[in-house]
Amino acid sequence: MTTPSRQGDTHWHLDKRVPVALLLAIVIQTVGAVWWAASLSARVDALERAWLEMKTHQGRIVRLEANQTAVYQRLDRIEAIQRRIETKIDRLLLGRNRGRN
């Protein structure tokens, strides 16, 4: 077992040869890393909230798309009926015009 050369030398201490600039750089680097991690966490939280909001709207969007498809199908049927009515009206008017001549 080794014995310390001086009494009380068993505790950790900072040597005077360590430059203050190095300590300051380490502190600034640590603060920067913590700041970056906090901003990253805030961004992830915001993305999670947006994702949850989109997930809740997903069902509504699917239903709206189904309704839109049904509306388009009804519109197509209405347009087909309108064309048939126009064709019948044209034939009726043509028949009346021929009868007058």
N, C-alpha and C. Protein backbone atom coordinates (compact mmCIF):
# COMPACT_ATOMS: atom_id res chain seq x y z
N MET A 1 0.85 -1.16 0.00
CA MET A 1 0.00 0.00 0.00
C MET A 1 0.89 1.23 0.00
N THR A 2 0.58 2.17 -0.85
CA THR A 2 1.41 3.37 -0.92
C THR A 2 0.91 4.39 0.07
N THR A 3 1.83 5.10 0.62
CA THR A 3 1.46 6.15 1.57
C THR A 3 1.71 7.48 0.91
N PRO A 4 0.85 8.45 1.19
CA PRO A 4 1.04 9.77 0.59
C PRO A 4 2.33 10.39 1.12
N SER A 5 2.91 11.20 0.23
CA SER A 5 4.18 11.80 0.61
C SER A 5 3.99 12.89 1.65
N ARG A 6 2.88 13.57 1.57
CA ARG A 6 2.59 14.60 2.56
C ARG A 6 1.31 14.26 3.28
N GLN A 7 1.19 14.70 4.48
CA GLN A 7 0.00 14.43 5.25
C GLN A 7 -1.13 15.31 4.73
N GLY A 8 -2.34 14.75 4.54
CA GLY A 8 -3.49 15.51 4.05
C GLY A 8 -3.52 15.57 2.53
N ASP A 9 -2.67 14.84 1.86
CA ASP A 9 -2.59 14.86 0.40
C ASP A 9 -3.52 13.82 -0.22
N THR A 10 -4.42 13.25 0.55
CA THR A 10 -5.29 12.20 0.04
C THR A 10 -6.51 12.77 -0.68
N HIS A 11 -6.84 14.02 -0.49
CA HIS A 11 -8.00 14.64 -1.13
C HIS A 11 -7.61 15.23 -2.47
N TRP A 12 -8.61 15.28 -3.36
CA TRP A 12 -8.38 15.86 -4.68
C TRP A 12 -8.21 17.35 -4.54
N HIS A 13 -7.34 17.92 -5.32
CA HIS A 13 -7.16 19.38 -5.31
C HIS A 13 -6.77 19.83 -6.71
N LEU A 14 -6.96 21.09 -6.96
CA LEU A 14 -6.68 21.69 -8.26
C LEU A 14 -5.27 22.24 -8.24
N ASP A 15 -4.54 21.83 -9.22
CA ASP A 15 -3.15 22.29 -9.31
C ASP A 15 -3.13 23.69 -9.89
N LYS A 16 -2.23 24.51 -9.45
CA LYS A 16 -2.13 25.89 -9.93
C LYS A 16 -1.63 25.93 -11.37
N ARG A 17 -1.12 24.83 -11.88
CA ARG A 17 -0.63 24.80 -13.24
C ARG A 17 -1.75 24.67 -14.27
N VAL A 18 -2.98 24.38 -13.84
CA VAL A 18 -4.12 24.30 -14.75
C VAL A 18 -4.54 25.71 -15.10
N PRO A 19 -4.52 26.08 -16.39
CA PRO A 19 -4.87 27.45 -16.76
C PRO A 19 -6.36 27.74 -16.57
N VAL A 20 -6.65 28.97 -16.22
CA VAL A 20 -8.03 29.41 -16.04
C VAL A 20 -8.78 29.32 -17.36
N ALA A 21 -8.11 29.58 -18.45
CA ALA A 21 -8.75 29.51 -19.76
C ALA A 21 -9.27 28.11 -20.03
N LEU A 22 -8.54 27.09 -19.63
CA LEU A 22 -9.00 25.71 -19.82
C LEU A 22 -10.25 25.44 -18.99
N LEU A 23 -10.24 25.89 -17.75
CA LEU A 23 -11.43 25.71 -16.89
C LEU A 23 -12.62 26.46 -17.48
N LEU A 24 -12.38 27.67 -17.93
CA LEU A 24 -13.45 28.48 -18.52
C LEU A 24 -13.99 27.80 -19.79
N ALA A 25 -13.11 27.26 -20.62
CA ALA A 25 -13.53 26.57 -21.83
C ALA A 25 -14.38 25.35 -21.50
N ILE A 26 -13.97 24.60 -20.49
CA ILE A 26 -14.75 23.41 -20.10
C ILE A 26 -16.12 23.81 -19.58
N VAL A 27 -16.18 24.88 -18.78
CA VAL A 27 -17.46 25.35 -18.25
C VAL A 27 -18.36 25.82 -19.39
N ILE A 28 -17.79 26.60 -20.31
CA ILE A 28 -18.58 27.11 -21.44
C ILE A 28 -19.06 25.95 -22.31
N GLN A 29 -18.20 24.98 -22.53
CA GLN A 29 -18.57 23.82 -23.32
C GLN A 29 -19.69 23.02 -22.64
N THR A 30 -19.61 22.87 -21.36
CA THR A 30 -20.65 22.15 -20.61
C THR A 30 -21.98 22.90 -20.66
N VAL A 31 -21.92 24.22 -20.46
CA VAL A 31 -23.14 25.03 -20.54
C VAL A 31 -23.74 24.94 -21.94
N GLY A 32 -22.90 24.99 -22.96
CA GLY A 32 -23.38 24.87 -24.33
C GLY A 32 -24.04 23.52 -24.59
N ALA A 33 -23.44 22.46 -24.07
CA ALA A 33 -24.02 21.12 -24.26
C ALA A 33 -25.37 21.01 -23.56
N VAL A 34 -25.47 21.55 -22.37
CA VAL A 34 -26.75 21.52 -21.64
C VAL A 34 -27.78 22.36 -22.37
N TRP A 35 -27.39 23.52 -22.87
CA TRP A 35 -28.31 24.40 -23.60
C TRP A 35 -28.79 23.68 -24.87
N TRP A 36 -27.87 23.06 -25.60
CA TRP A 36 -28.23 22.34 -26.82
C TRP A 36 -29.20 21.20 -26.49
N ALA A 37 -28.94 20.46 -25.44
CA ALA A 37 -29.82 19.35 -25.06
C ALA A 37 -31.20 19.86 -24.67
N ALA A 38 -31.26 21.01 -23.99
CA ALA A 38 -32.56 21.57 -23.60
C ALA A 38 -33.33 22.02 -24.83
N SER A 39 -32.65 22.67 -25.78
CA SER A 39 -33.35 23.11 -26.99
C SER A 39 -33.79 21.91 -27.83
N LEU A 40 -32.97 20.87 -27.86
CA LEU A 40 -33.34 19.66 -28.58
C LEU A 40 -34.56 19.01 -27.94
N SER A 41 -34.59 18.99 -26.63
CA SER A 41 -35.74 18.43 -25.92
C SER A 41 -37.00 19.23 -26.22
N ALA A 42 -36.88 20.56 -26.27
CA ALA A 42 -38.04 21.40 -26.57
C ALA A 42 -38.54 21.13 -27.99
N ARG A 43 -37.62 20.95 -28.92
CA ARG A 43 -38.01 20.67 -30.30
C ARG A 43 -38.71 19.32 -30.40
N VAL A 44 -38.20 18.33 -29.71
CA VAL A 44 -38.82 17.00 -29.72
C VAL A 44 -40.21 17.07 -29.11
N ASP A 45 -40.35 17.83 -28.02
CA ASP A 45 -41.68 17.99 -27.41
C ASP A 45 -42.65 18.63 -28.38
N ALA A 46 -42.20 19.68 -29.09
CA ALA A 46 -43.06 20.35 -30.06
C ALA A 46 -43.46 19.40 -31.18
N LEU A 47 -42.51 18.60 -31.65
CA LEU A 47 -42.82 17.64 -32.71
C LEU A 47 -43.79 16.57 -32.23
N GLU A 48 -43.64 16.13 -31.00
CA GLU A 48 -44.57 15.13 -30.45
C GLU A 48 -45.97 15.70 -30.35
N ARG A 49 -46.08 16.96 -29.90
CA ARG A 49 -47.41 17.59 -29.82
C ARG A 49 -48.03 17.71 -31.20
N ALA A 50 -47.24 18.13 -32.18
CA ALA A 50 -47.75 18.26 -33.55
C ALA A 50 -48.17 16.90 -34.10
N TRP A 51 -47.38 15.86 -33.82
CA TRP A 51 -47.70 14.53 -34.29
C TRP A 51 -49.00 14.03 -33.68
N LEU A 52 -49.17 14.25 -32.37
CA LEU A 52 -50.41 13.83 -31.71
C LEU A 52 -51.61 14.56 -32.27
N GLU A 53 -51.43 15.85 -32.56
CA GLU A 53 -52.52 16.64 -33.12
C GLU A 53 -52.88 16.12 -34.51
N MET A 54 -51.87 15.82 -35.31
CA MET A 54 -52.13 15.28 -36.64
C MET A 54 -52.78 13.90 -36.55
N LYS A 55 -52.36 13.12 -35.57
CA LYS A 55 -52.93 11.78 -35.41
C LYS A 55 -54.41 11.87 -35.06
N THR A 56 -54.79 12.84 -34.23
CA THR A 56 -56.20 12.99 -33.89
C THR A 56 -57.01 13.48 -35.08
N HIS A 57 -56.37 14.24 -35.97
CA HIS A 57 -57.08 14.74 -37.15
C HIS A 57 -57.11 13.73 -38.28
N GLN A 58 -56.31 12.70 -38.18
CA GLN A 58 -56.22 11.72 -39.25
C GLN A 58 -57.58 11.05 -39.51
N GLY A 59 -58.27 10.68 -38.46
CA GLY A 59 -59.59 10.05 -38.62
C GLY A 59 -60.58 10.98 -39.29
N ARG A 60 -60.53 12.25 -38.88
CA ARG A 60 -61.43 13.23 -39.49
C ARG A 60 -61.12 13.40 -40.97
N ILE A 61 -59.86 13.41 -41.32
CA ILE A 61 -59.46 13.58 -42.72
C ILE A 61 -59.94 12.40 -43.55
N VAL A 62 -59.82 11.20 -43.02
CA VAL A 62 -60.27 10.01 -43.75
C VAL A 62 -61.78 10.10 -43.99
N ARG A 63 -62.52 10.50 -42.95
CA ARG A 63 -63.98 10.62 -43.11
C ARG A 63 -64.33 11.72 -44.12
N LEU A 64 -63.61 12.84 -44.07
CA LEU A 64 -63.87 13.92 -45.02
C LEU A 64 -63.58 13.48 -46.45
N GLU A 65 -62.52 12.72 -46.64
CA GLU A 65 -62.21 12.23 -47.98
C GLU A 65 -63.29 11.28 -48.48
N ALA A 66 -63.81 10.44 -47.59
CA ALA A 66 -64.89 9.53 -47.98
C ALA A 66 -66.14 10.33 -48.34
N ASN A 67 -66.45 11.34 -47.55
CA ASN A 67 -67.60 12.20 -47.85
C ASN A 67 -67.41 12.93 -49.17
N GLN A 68 -66.19 13.40 -49.41
CA GLN A 68 -65.91 14.11 -50.65
C GLN A 68 -66.11 13.19 -51.85
N THR A 69 -65.68 11.95 -51.73
CA THR A 69 -65.87 10.98 -52.80
C THR A 69 -67.36 10.76 -53.06
N ALA A 70 -68.13 10.65 -51.98
CA ALA A 70 -69.58 10.46 -52.13
C ALA A 70 -70.22 11.68 -52.80
N VAL A 71 -69.77 12.86 -52.43
CA VAL A 71 -70.32 14.08 -53.04
C VAL A 71 -69.99 14.12 -54.52
N TYR A 72 -68.75 13.75 -54.89
CA TYR A 72 -68.38 13.73 -56.31
C TYR A 72 -69.24 12.72 -57.08
N GLN A 73 -69.52 11.57 -56.48
CA GLN A 73 -70.36 10.58 -57.15
C GLN A 73 -71.77 11.11 -57.34
N ARG A 74 -72.30 11.77 -56.33
CA ARG A 74 -73.65 12.37 -56.46
C ARG A 74 -73.66 13.45 -57.52
N LEU A 75 -72.61 14.25 -57.55
CA LEU A 75 -72.52 15.31 -58.56
C LEU A 75 -72.47 14.72 -59.96
N ASP A 76 -71.74 13.63 -60.13
CA ASP A 76 -71.69 12.96 -61.43
C ASP A 76 -73.08 12.47 -61.84
N ARG A 77 -73.83 11.90 -60.87
CA ARG A 77 -75.19 11.44 -61.18
C ARG A 77 -76.10 12.62 -61.54
N ILE A 78 -75.96 13.71 -60.82
CA ILE A 78 -76.78 14.90 -61.11
C ILE A 78 -76.46 15.43 -62.51
N GLU A 79 -75.17 15.46 -62.84
CA GLU A 79 -74.78 15.94 -64.17
C GLU A 79 -75.32 15.02 -65.26
N ALA A 80 -75.30 13.71 -65.02
CA ALA A 80 -75.84 12.77 -66.01
C ALA A 80 -77.35 12.98 -66.18
N ILE A 81 -78.06 13.17 -65.08
CA ILE A 81 -79.50 13.43 -65.15
C ILE A 81 -79.76 14.74 -65.89
N GLN A 82 -78.94 15.74 -65.61
CA GLN A 82 -79.10 17.04 -66.28
C GLN A 82 -78.90 16.89 -67.79
N ARG A 83 -77.92 16.12 -68.20
CA ARG A 83 -77.68 15.91 -69.64
C ARG A 83 -78.87 15.20 -70.29
N ARG A 84 -79.42 14.20 -69.57
CA ARG A 84 -80.58 13.51 -70.11
C ARG A 84 -81.77 14.46 -70.25
N ILE A 85 -81.98 15.31 -69.25
CA ILE A 85 -83.10 16.26 -69.30
C ILE A 85 -82.89 17.24 -70.45
N GLU A 86 -81.66 17.73 -70.60
CA GLU A 86 -81.37 18.67 -71.70
C GLU A 86 -81.61 18.01 -73.05
N THR A 87 -81.21 16.74 -73.17
CA THR A 87 -81.42 16.01 -74.42
C THR A 87 -82.91 15.86 -74.71
N LYS A 88 -83.68 15.53 -73.70
CA LYS A 88 -85.13 15.39 -73.89
C LYS A 88 -85.78 16.72 -74.24
N ILE A 89 -85.34 17.79 -73.60
CA ILE A 89 -85.89 19.12 -73.91
C ILE A 89 -85.54 19.50 -75.35
N ASP A 90 -84.31 19.21 -75.76
CA ASP A 90 -83.91 19.53 -77.13
C ASP A 90 -84.75 18.74 -78.13
N ARG A 91 -84.99 17.47 -77.87
CA ARG A 91 -85.82 16.66 -78.77
C ARG A 91 -87.26 17.19 -78.80
N LEU A 92 -87.78 17.57 -77.63
CA LEU A 92 -89.14 18.10 -77.55
C LEU A 92 -89.26 19.39 -78.35
N LEU A 93 -88.28 20.27 -78.19
CA LEU A 93 -88.32 21.54 -78.93
C LEU A 93 -88.13 21.32 -80.42
N LEU A 94 -87.28 20.36 -80.78
CA LEU A 94 -87.09 20.06 -82.20
C LEU A 94 -88.38 19.52 -82.81
N GLY A 95 -89.09 18.68 -82.06
CA GLY A 95 -90.36 18.12 -82.55
C GLY A 95 -91.40 19.21 -82.73
N ARG A 96 -91.44 20.18 -81.86
CA ARG A 96 -92.40 21.28 -82.00
C ARG A 96 -92.05 22.17 -83.18
N ASN A 97 -90.77 22.41 -83.36
CA ASN A 97 -90.36 23.25 -84.50
C ASN A 97 -90.64 22.56 -85.83
N ARG A 98 -90.53 21.25 -85.91
CA ARG A 98 -90.82 20.53 -87.15
C ARG A 98 -92.32 20.56 -87.43
N GLY A 99 -93.11 20.53 -86.38
CA GLY A 99 -94.56 20.54 -86.56
C GLY A 99 -95.04 21.89 -87.08
N ARG A 100 -94.35 22.93 -86.83
CA ARG A 100 -94.75 24.28 -87.28
C ARG A 100 -94.39 24.49 -88.74
N ASN A 101 -93.40 23.83 -89.23
CA ASN A 101 -92.97 24.06 -90.62
C ASN A 101 -93.80 23.36 -91.60
